[in-house]
Amino acid sequence: FSSGLDTQPIIQGTVALLPTTPGEVGAEFVISMMPSPWLDGRATPIGNVVDGLSVINEIGSIKVSPDDDPSLATTIYSMRIL
């Protein structure tokens, strides 16, 4: 099925919403660390990181468990629309 809508590629710094597990209602908020063509058409881009990509890369370097649980809690305190 094609929605007829153009999809934007998910590249480094893309802020997007990604649907949760099939059969569930909801979405997770993601910031892409690298080009992610496997998410093209699945994730809905809602913005891009324009300043602070080094901070995003630092967050991305935090070790995670096999279940994707980070070893250090991280909180984004603010974002703004430019």
PDB file of N, CA and C in Angstrom:
ATOM      1  N   PHE A   1       0.849  -1.167   0.000  1.00  0.00           N
ATOM      2  CA  PHE A   1       0.000   0.000   0.000  1.00  0.00           C
ATOM      3  C   PHE A   1       0.888   1.221   0.000  1.00  0.00           C
ATOM      4  N   SER A   2       0.597   2.149  -0.852  1.00  0.00           N
ATOM      5  CA  SER A   2       1.356   3.398  -0.919  1.00  0.00           C
ATOM      6  C   SER A   2       0.451   4.547  -0.517  1.00  0.00           C
ATOM      7  N   SER A   3       0.921   5.367   0.402  1.00  0.00           N
ATOM      8  CA  SER A   3       0.115   6.504   0.842  1.00  0.00           C
ATOM      9  C   SER A   3       0.136   7.618  -0.187  1.00  0.00           C
ATOM     10  N   GLY A   4       1.093   7.531  -1.128  1.00  0.00           N
ATOM     11  CA  GLY A   4       1.221   8.596  -2.110  1.00  0.00           C
ATOM     12  C   GLY A   4       2.008   9.782  -1.579  1.00  0.00           C
ATOM     13  N   LEU A   5       2.421   9.717  -0.320  1.00  0.00           N
ATOM     14  CA  LEU A   5       3.191  10.805   0.273  1.00  0.00           C
ATOM     15  C   LEU A   5       4.678  10.530   0.115  1.00  0.00           C
ATOM     16  N   ASP A   6       5.439  11.574  -0.151  1.00  0.00           N
ATOM     17  CA  ASP A   6       6.886  11.426  -0.196  1.00  0.00           C
ATOM     18  C   ASP A   6       7.397  11.223   1.223  1.00  0.00           C
ATOM     19  N   THR A   7       8.379  10.365   1.379  1.00  0.00           N
ATOM     20  CA  THR A   7       8.971  10.175   2.697  1.00  0.00           C
ATOM     21  C   THR A   7      10.314  10.881   2.735  1.00  0.00           C
ATOM     22  N   GLN A   8      10.633  11.451   3.874  1.00  0.00           N
ATOM     23  CA  GLN A   8      11.928  12.089   4.054  1.00  0.00           C
ATOM     24  C   GLN A   8      12.900  11.048   4.583  1.00  0.00           C
ATOM     25  N   PRO A   9      14.130  11.052   4.083  1.00  0.00           N
ATOM     26  CA  PRO A   9      15.096  10.084   4.604  1.00  0.00           C
ATOM     27  C   PRO A   9      15.467  10.400   6.050  1.00  0.00           C
ATOM     28  N   ILE A  10      15.719   9.360   6.810  1.00  0.00           N
ATOM     29  CA  ILE A  10      16.164   9.514   8.196  1.00  0.00           C
ATOM     30  C   ILE A  10      17.692   9.592   8.159  1.00  0.00           C
ATOM     31  N   ILE A  11      18.223  10.770   8.468  1.00  0.00           N
ATOM     32  CA  ILE A  11      19.661  11.005   8.435  1.00  0.00           C
ATOM     33  C   ILE A  11      20.154  11.347   9.837  1.00  0.00           C
ATOM     34  N   GLN A  12      21.455  11.522   9.994  1.00  0.00           N
ATOM     35  CA  GLN A  12      22.002  11.893  11.300  1.00  0.00           C
ATOM     36  C   GLN A  12      21.350  13.182  11.781  1.00  0.00           C
ATOM     37  N   GLY A  13      20.841  13.147  13.013  1.00  0.00           N
ATOM     38  CA  GLY A  13      20.217  14.328  13.596  1.00  0.00           C
ATOM     39  C   GLY A  13      18.728  14.458  13.345  1.00  0.00           C
ATOM     40  N   THR A  14      18.130  13.510  12.613  1.00  0.00           N
ATOM     41  CA  THR A  14      16.685  13.558  12.397  1.00  0.00           C
ATOM     42  C   THR A  14      15.962  13.246  13.703  1.00  0.00           C
ATOM     43  N   VAL A  15      14.998  14.078  14.056  1.00  0.00           N
ATOM     44  CA  VAL A  15      14.121  13.839  15.204  1.00  0.00           C
ATOM     45  C   VAL A  15      12.846  13.241  14.621  1.00  0.00           C
ATOM     46  N   ALA A  16      12.432  12.083  15.120  1.00  0.00           N
ATOM     47  CA  ALA A  16      11.293  11.392  14.515  1.00  0.00           C
ATOM     48  C   ALA A  16      10.464  10.663  15.565  1.00  0.00           C
ATOM     49  N   LEU A  17       9.257  10.299  15.157  1.00  0.00           N
ATOM     50  CA  LEU A  17       8.385   9.436  15.953  1.00  0.00           C
ATOM     51  C   LEU A  17       8.370   8.075  15.274  1.00  0.00           C
ATOM     52  N   LEU A  18       8.575   7.040  16.065  1.00  0.00           N
ATOM     53  CA  LEU A  18       8.621   5.679  15.557  1.00  0.00           C
ATOM     54  C   LEU A  18       7.516   4.881  16.232  1.00  0.00           C
ATOM     55  N   PRO A  19       6.648   4.222  15.451  1.00  0.00           N
ATOM     56  CA  PRO A  19       5.562   3.446  16.059  1.00  0.00           C
ATOM     57  C   PRO A  19       6.104   2.395  17.018  1.00  0.00           C
ATOM     58  N   THR A  20       5.344   2.125  18.085  1.00  0.00           N
ATOM     59  CA  THR A  20       5.721   1.077  19.031  1.00  0.00           C
ATOM     60  C   THR A  20       5.425  -0.280  18.410  1.00  0.00           C
ATOM     61  N   THR A  21       5.491  -1.305  19.197  1.00  0.00           N
ATOM     62  CA  THR A  21       5.263  -2.670  18.748  1.00  0.00           C
ATOM     63  C   THR A  21       3.925  -2.793  18.019  1.00  0.00           C
ATOM     64  N   PRO A  22       3.888  -3.545  16.905  1.00  0.00           N
ATOM     65  CA  PRO A  22       2.615  -3.738  16.207  1.00  0.00           C
ATOM     66  C   PRO A  22       1.527  -4.220  17.164  1.00  0.00           C
ATOM     67  N   GLY A  23       0.334  -3.690  17.004  1.00  0.00           N
ATOM     68  CA  GLY A  23      -0.783  -4.047  17.860  1.00  0.00           C
ATOM     69  C   GLY A  23      -0.918  -3.146  19.069  1.00  0.00           C
ATOM     70  N   GLU A  24       0.072  -2.290  19.301  1.00  0.00           N
ATOM     71  CA  GLU A  24       0.009  -1.335  20.407  1.00  0.00           C
ATOM     72  C   GLU A  24      -0.204   0.060  19.843  1.00  0.00           C
ATOM     73  N   VAL A  25      -0.760   0.927  20.660  1.00  0.00           N
ATOM     74  CA  VAL A  25      -0.972   2.310  20.254  1.00  0.00           C
ATOM     75  C   VAL A  25       0.113   3.154  20.900  1.00  0.00           C
ATOM     76  N   GLY A  26       0.761   3.979  20.113  1.00  0.00           N
ATOM     77  CA  GLY A  26       1.784   4.859  20.662  1.00  0.00           C
ATOM     78  C   GLY A  26       2.973   4.979  19.736  1.00  0.00           C
ATOM     79  N   ALA A  27       3.916   5.792  20.159  1.00  0.00           N
ATOM     80  CA  ALA A  27       5.131   5.995  19.384  1.00  0.00           C
ATOM     81  C   ALA A  27       6.257   6.371  20.330  1.00  0.00           C
ATOM     82  N   GLU A  28       7.481   6.077  19.901  1.00  0.00           N
ATOM     83  CA  GLU A  28       8.620   6.534  20.675  1.00  0.00           C
ATOM     84  C   GLU A  28       9.311   7.657  19.926  1.00  0.00           C
ATOM     85  N   PHE A  29       9.895   8.540  20.683  1.00  0.00           N
ATOM     86  CA  PHE A  29      10.606   9.697  20.188  1.00  0.00           C
ATOM     87  C   PHE A  29      12.054   9.268  19.982  1.00  0.00           C
ATOM     88  N   VAL A  30      12.604   9.453  18.781  1.00  0.00           N
ATOM     89  CA  VAL A  30      13.976   9.041  18.500  1.00  0.00           C
ATOM     90  C   VAL A  30      14.753  10.173  17.845  1.00  0.00           C
ATOM     91  N   ILE A  31      16.053  10.175  18.079  1.00  0.00           N
ATOM     92  CA  ILE A  31      16.976  11.060  17.373  1.00  0.00           C
ATOM     93  C   ILE A  31      17.979  10.138  16.697  1.00  0.00           C
ATOM     94  N   SER A  32      18.045  10.186  15.387  1.00  0.00           N
ATOM     95  CA  SER A  32      18.907   9.278  14.640  1.00  0.00           C
ATOM     96  C   SER A  32      20.373   9.665  14.787  1.00  0.00           C
ATOM     97  N   MET A  33      21.209   8.665  15.052  1.00  0.00           N
ATOM     98  CA  MET A  33      22.646   8.877  15.214  1.00  0.00           C
ATOM     99  C   MET A  33      23.389   8.780  13.887  1.00  0.00           C
ATOM    100  N   MET A  34      22.736   8.242  12.867  1.00  0.00           N
ATOM    101  CA  MET A  34      23.375   8.006  11.572  1.00  0.00           C
ATOM    102  C   MET A  34      22.288   7.885  10.514  1.00  0.00           C
ATOM    103  N   PRO A  35      22.647   7.934   9.239  1.00  0.00           N
ATOM    104  CA  PRO A  35      21.639   7.658   8.221  1.00  0.00           C
ATOM    105  C   PRO A  35      21.009   6.292   8.510  1.00  0.00           C
ATOM    106  N   SER A  36      19.685   6.223   8.480  1.00  0.00           N
ATOM    107  CA  SER A  36      18.970   4.998   8.854  1.00  0.00           C
ATOM    108  C   SER A  36      17.905   4.670   7.814  1.00  0.00           C
ATOM    109  N   PRO A  37      18.328   4.220   6.624  1.00  0.00           N
ATOM    110  CA  PRO A  37      17.359   3.975   5.554  1.00  0.00           C
ATOM    111  C   PRO A  37      16.298   2.938   5.906  1.00  0.00           C
ATOM    112  N   TRP A  38      16.587   2.029   6.857  1.00  0.00           N
ATOM    113  CA  TRP A  38      15.594   1.026   7.264  1.00  0.00           C
ATOM    114  C   TRP A  38      14.406   1.665   7.987  1.00  0.00           C
ATOM    115  N   LEU A  39      14.557   2.937   8.408  1.00  0.00           N
ATOM    116  CA  LEU A  39      13.449   3.642   9.058  1.00  0.00           C
ATOM    117  C   LEU A  39      12.662   4.520   8.082  1.00  0.00           C
ATOM    118  N   ASP A  40      13.207   4.724   6.879  1.00  0.00           N
ATOM    119  CA  ASP A  40      12.503   5.542   5.885  1.00  0.00           C
ATOM    120  C   ASP A  40      11.122   4.953   5.621  1.00  0.00           C
ATOM    121  N   GLY A  41      10.091   5.766   5.775  1.00  0.00           N
ATOM    122  CA  GLY A  41       8.728   5.309   5.571  1.00  0.00           C
ATOM    123  C   GLY A  41       8.102   4.691   6.817  1.00  0.00           C
ATOM    124  N   ARG A  42       8.911   4.324   7.815  1.00  0.00           N
ATOM    125  CA  ARG A  42       8.390   3.777   9.081  1.00  0.00           C
ATOM    126  C   ARG A  42       8.318   4.849  10.148  1.00  0.00           C
ATOM    127  N   ALA A  43       9.384   5.649  10.241  1.00  0.00           N
ATOM    128  CA  ALA A  43       9.437   6.726  11.233  1.00  0.00           C
ATOM    129  C   ALA A  43       8.911   8.007  10.594  1.00  0.00           C
ATOM    130  N   THR A  44       8.294   8.847  11.404  1.00  0.00           N
ATOM    131  CA  THR A  44       7.769  10.124  10.925  1.00  0.00           C
ATOM    132  C   THR A  44       8.690  11.246  11.388  1.00  0.00           C
ATOM    133  N   PRO A  45       9.470  11.824  10.452  1.00  0.00           N
ATOM    134  CA  PRO A  45      10.358  12.922  10.842  1.00  0.00           C
ATOM    135  C   PRO A  45       9.551  14.133  11.300  1.00  0.00           C
ATOM    136  N   ILE A  46       9.974  14.722  12.429  1.00  0.00           N
ATOM    137  CA  ILE A  46       9.293  15.921  12.925  1.00  0.00           C
ATOM    138  C   ILE A  46      10.262  17.084  13.085  1.00  0.00           C
ATOM    139  N   GLY A  47      11.551  16.847  12.822  1.00  0.00           N
ATOM    140  CA  GLY A  47      12.525  17.925  12.935  1.00  0.00           C
ATOM    141  C   GLY A  47      13.942  17.416  12.776  1.00  0.00           C
ATOM    142  N   ASN A  48      14.890  18.326  12.949  1.00  0.00           N
ATOM    143  CA  ASN A  48      16.313  18.002  12.858  1.00  0.00           C
ATOM    144  C   ASN A  48      17.074  18.732  13.948  1.00  0.00           C
ATOM    145  N   VAL A  49      18.118  18.094  14.446  1.00  0.00           N
ATOM    146  CA  VAL A  49      19.016  18.754  15.388  1.00  0.00           C
ATOM    147  C   VAL A  49      19.848  19.741  14.570  1.00  0.00           C
ATOM    148  N   VAL A  50      19.805  21.021  14.927  1.00  0.00           N
ATOM    149  CA  VAL A  50      20.569  22.029  14.187  1.00  0.00           C
ATOM    150  C   VAL A  50      21.739  22.567  14.997  1.00  0.00           C
ATOM    151  N   ASP A  51      21.732  22.341  16.300  1.00  0.00           N
ATOM    152  CA  ASP A  51      22.827  22.764  17.166  1.00  0.00           C
ATOM    153  C   ASP A  51      22.905  21.760  18.309  1.00  0.00           C
ATOM    154  N   GLY A  52      24.098  21.339  18.654  1.00  0.00           N
ATOM    155  CA  GLY A  52      24.243  20.396  19.757  1.00  0.00           C
ATOM    156  C   GLY A  52      24.365  18.952  19.322  1.00  0.00           C
ATOM    157  N   LEU A  53      24.693  18.716  18.049  1.00  0.00           N
ATOM    158  CA  LEU A  53      24.834  17.334  17.589  1.00  0.00           C
ATOM    159  C   LEU A  53      25.941  16.610  18.362  1.00  0.00           C
ATOM    160  N   SER A  54      26.942  17.352  18.840  1.00  0.00           N
ATOM    161  CA  SER A  54      28.004  16.721  19.635  1.00  0.00           C
ATOM    162  C   SER A  54      27.431  16.144  20.936  1.00  0.00           C
ATOM    163  N   VAL A  55      26.433  16.818  21.510  1.00  0.00           N
ATOM    164  CA  VAL A  55      25.782  16.311  22.724  1.00  0.00           C
ATOM    165  C   VAL A  55      25.010  15.035  22.397  1.00  0.00           C
ATOM    166  N   ILE A  56      24.327  15.031  21.266  1.00  0.00           N
ATOM    167  CA  ILE A  56      23.582  13.840  20.838  1.00  0.00           C
ATOM    168  C   ILE A  56      24.550  12.677  20.643  1.00  0.00           C
ATOM    169  N   ASN A  57      25.708  12.940  20.032  1.00  0.00           N
ATOM    170  CA  ASN A  57      26.708  11.887  19.837  1.00  0.00           C
ATOM    171  C   ASN A  57      27.229  11.371  21.173  1.00  0.00           C
ATOM    172  N   GLU A  58      27.387  12.256  22.141  1.00  0.00           N
ATOM    173  CA  GLU A  58      27.832  11.852  23.478  1.00  0.00           C
ATOM    174  C   GLU A  58      26.785  10.951  24.137  1.00  0.00           C
ATOM    175  N   ILE A  59      25.518  11.321  24.014  1.00  0.00           N
ATOM    176  CA  ILE A  59      24.435  10.485  24.550  1.00  0.00           C
ATOM    177  C   ILE A  59      24.455   9.121  23.863  1.00  0.00           C
ATOM    178  N   GLY A  60      24.681   9.132  22.554  1.00  0.00           N
ATOM    179  CA  GLY A  60      24.705   7.886  21.795  1.00  0.00           C
ATOM    180  C   GLY A  60      25.853   6.962  22.152  1.00  0.00           C
ATOM    181  N   SER A  61      26.890   7.491  22.800  1.00  0.00           N
ATOM    182  CA  SER A  61      28.040   6.664  23.164  1.00  0.00           C
ATOM    183  C   SER A  61      27.857   5.956  24.513  1.00  0.00           C
ATOM    184  N   ILE A  62      26.754   6.246  25.216  1.00  0.00           N
ATOM    185  CA  ILE A  62      26.490   5.595  26.506  1.00  0.00           C
ATOM    186  C   ILE A  62      26.214   4.110  26.270  1.00  0.00           C
ATOM    187  N   LYS A  63      26.875   3.272  27.044  1.00  0.00           N
ATOM    188  CA  LYS A  63      26.698   1.821  26.895  1.00  0.00           C
ATOM    189  C   LYS A  63      25.275   1.422  27.271  1.00  0.00           C
ATOM    190  N   VAL A  64      24.775   0.400  26.564  1.00  0.00           N
ATOM    191  CA  VAL A  64      23.432  -0.119  26.838  1.00  0.00           C
ATOM    192  C   VAL A  64      23.509  -1.623  27.080  1.00  0.00           C
ATOM    193  N   SER A  65      22.526  -2.126  27.805  1.00  0.00           N
ATOM    194  CA  SER A  65      22.439  -3.566  28.075  1.00  0.00           C
ATOM    195  C   SER A  65      21.922  -4.280  26.827  1.00  0.00           C
ATOM    196  N   PRO A  66      21.942  -5.618  26.826  1.00  0.00           N
ATOM    197  CA  PRO A  66      21.366  -6.357  25.698  1.00  0.00           C
ATOM    198  C   PRO A  66      19.884  -6.019  25.458  1.00  0.00           C
ATOM    199  N   ASP A  67      19.199  -5.507  26.494  1.00  0.00           N
ATOM    200  CA  ASP A  67      17.792  -5.110  26.349  1.00  0.00           C
ATOM    201  C   ASP A  67      17.646  -3.639  25.971  1.00  0.00           C
ATOM    202  N   ASP A  68      18.754  -2.990  25.583  1.00  0.00           N
ATOM    203  CA  ASP A  68      18.780  -1.570  25.197  1.00  0.00           C
ATOM    204  C   ASP A  68      18.529  -0.612  26.353  1.00  0.00           C
ATOM    205  N   ASP A  69      18.768  -1.050  27.585  1.00  0.00           N
ATOM    206  CA  ASP A  69      18.655  -0.153  28.737  1.00  0.00           C
ATOM    207  C   ASP A  69      19.980   0.581  28.909  1.00  0.00           C
ATOM    208  N   PRO A  70      19.968   1.925  28.933  1.00  0.00           N
ATOM    209  CA  PRO A  70      21.223   2.673  29.074  1.00  0.00           C
ATOM    210  C   PRO A  70      21.833   2.496  30.464  1.00  0.00           C
ATOM    211  N   SER A  71      23.175   2.530  30.518  1.00  0.00           N
ATOM    212  CA  SER A  71      23.870   2.406  31.803  1.00  0.00           C
ATOM    213  C   SER A  71      23.834   3.715  32.588  1.00  0.00           C
ATOM    214  N   LEU A  72      23.442   4.800  31.945  1.00  0.00           N
ATOM    215  CA  LEU A  72      23.363   6.111  32.570  1.00  0.00           C
ATOM    216  C   LEU A  72      22.069   6.785  32.123  1.00  0.00           C
ATOM    217  N   ALA A  73      21.249   7.197  33.072  1.00  0.00           N
ATOM    218  CA  ALA A  73      19.993   7.879  32.724  1.00  0.00           C
ATOM    219  C   ALA A  73      20.308   9.213  32.044  1.00  0.00           C
ATOM    220  N   THR A  74      19.578   9.526  30.997  1.00  0.00           N
ATOM    221  CA  THR A  74      19.785  10.764  30.252  1.00  0.00           C
ATOM    222  C   THR A  74      18.446  11.450  30.067  1.00  0.00           C
ATOM    223  N   THR A  75      18.411  12.753  30.283  1.00  0.00           N
ATOM    224  CA  THR A  75      17.180  13.524  30.138  1.00  0.00           C
ATOM    225  C   THR A  75      17.426  14.726  29.242  1.00  0.00           C
ATOM    226  N   ILE A  76      16.556  14.934  28.279  1.00  0.00           N
ATOM    227  CA  ILE A  76      16.581  16.155  27.472  1.00  0.00           C
ATOM    228  C   ILE A  76      15.641  17.124  28.160  1.00  0.00           C
ATOM    229  N   TYR A  77      16.178  18.220  28.656  1.00  0.00           N
ATOM    230  CA  TYR A  77      15.385  19.176  29.421  1.00  0.00           C
ATOM    231  C   TYR A  77      14.626  20.172  28.560  1.00  0.00           C
ATOM    232  N   SER A  78      15.134  20.467  27.384  1.00  0.00           N
ATOM    233  CA  SER A  78      14.401  21.430  26.558  1.00  0.00           C
ATOM    234  C   SER A  78      14.750  21.264  25.088  1.00  0.00           C
ATOM    235  N   MET A  79      13.793  21.655  24.275  1.00  0.00           N
ATOM    236  CA  MET A  79      13.949  21.748  22.827  1.00  0.00           C
ATOM    237  C   MET A  79      13.167  22.969  22.413  1.00  0.00           C
ATOM    238  N   ARG A  80      13.494  23.473  21.260  1.00  0.00           N
ATOM    239  CA  ARG A  80      12.711  24.607  20.776  1.00  0.00           C
ATOM    240  C   ARG A  80      12.619  24.571  19.267  1.00  0.00           C
ATOM    241  N   ILE A  81      11.612  25.227  18.779  1.00  0.00           N
ATOM    242  CA  ILE A  81      11.394  25.331  17.342  1.00  0.00           C
ATOM    243  C   ILE A  81      12.083  26.593  16.858  1.00  0.00           C
ATOM    244  N   LEU A  82      12.856  26.462  15.803  1.00  0.00           N
ATOM    245  CA  LEU A  82      13.529  27.624  15.220  1.00  0.00           C
ATOM    246  C   LEU A  82      12.759  28.134  14.030  1.00  0.00           C
TER     247      LEU A  82
END
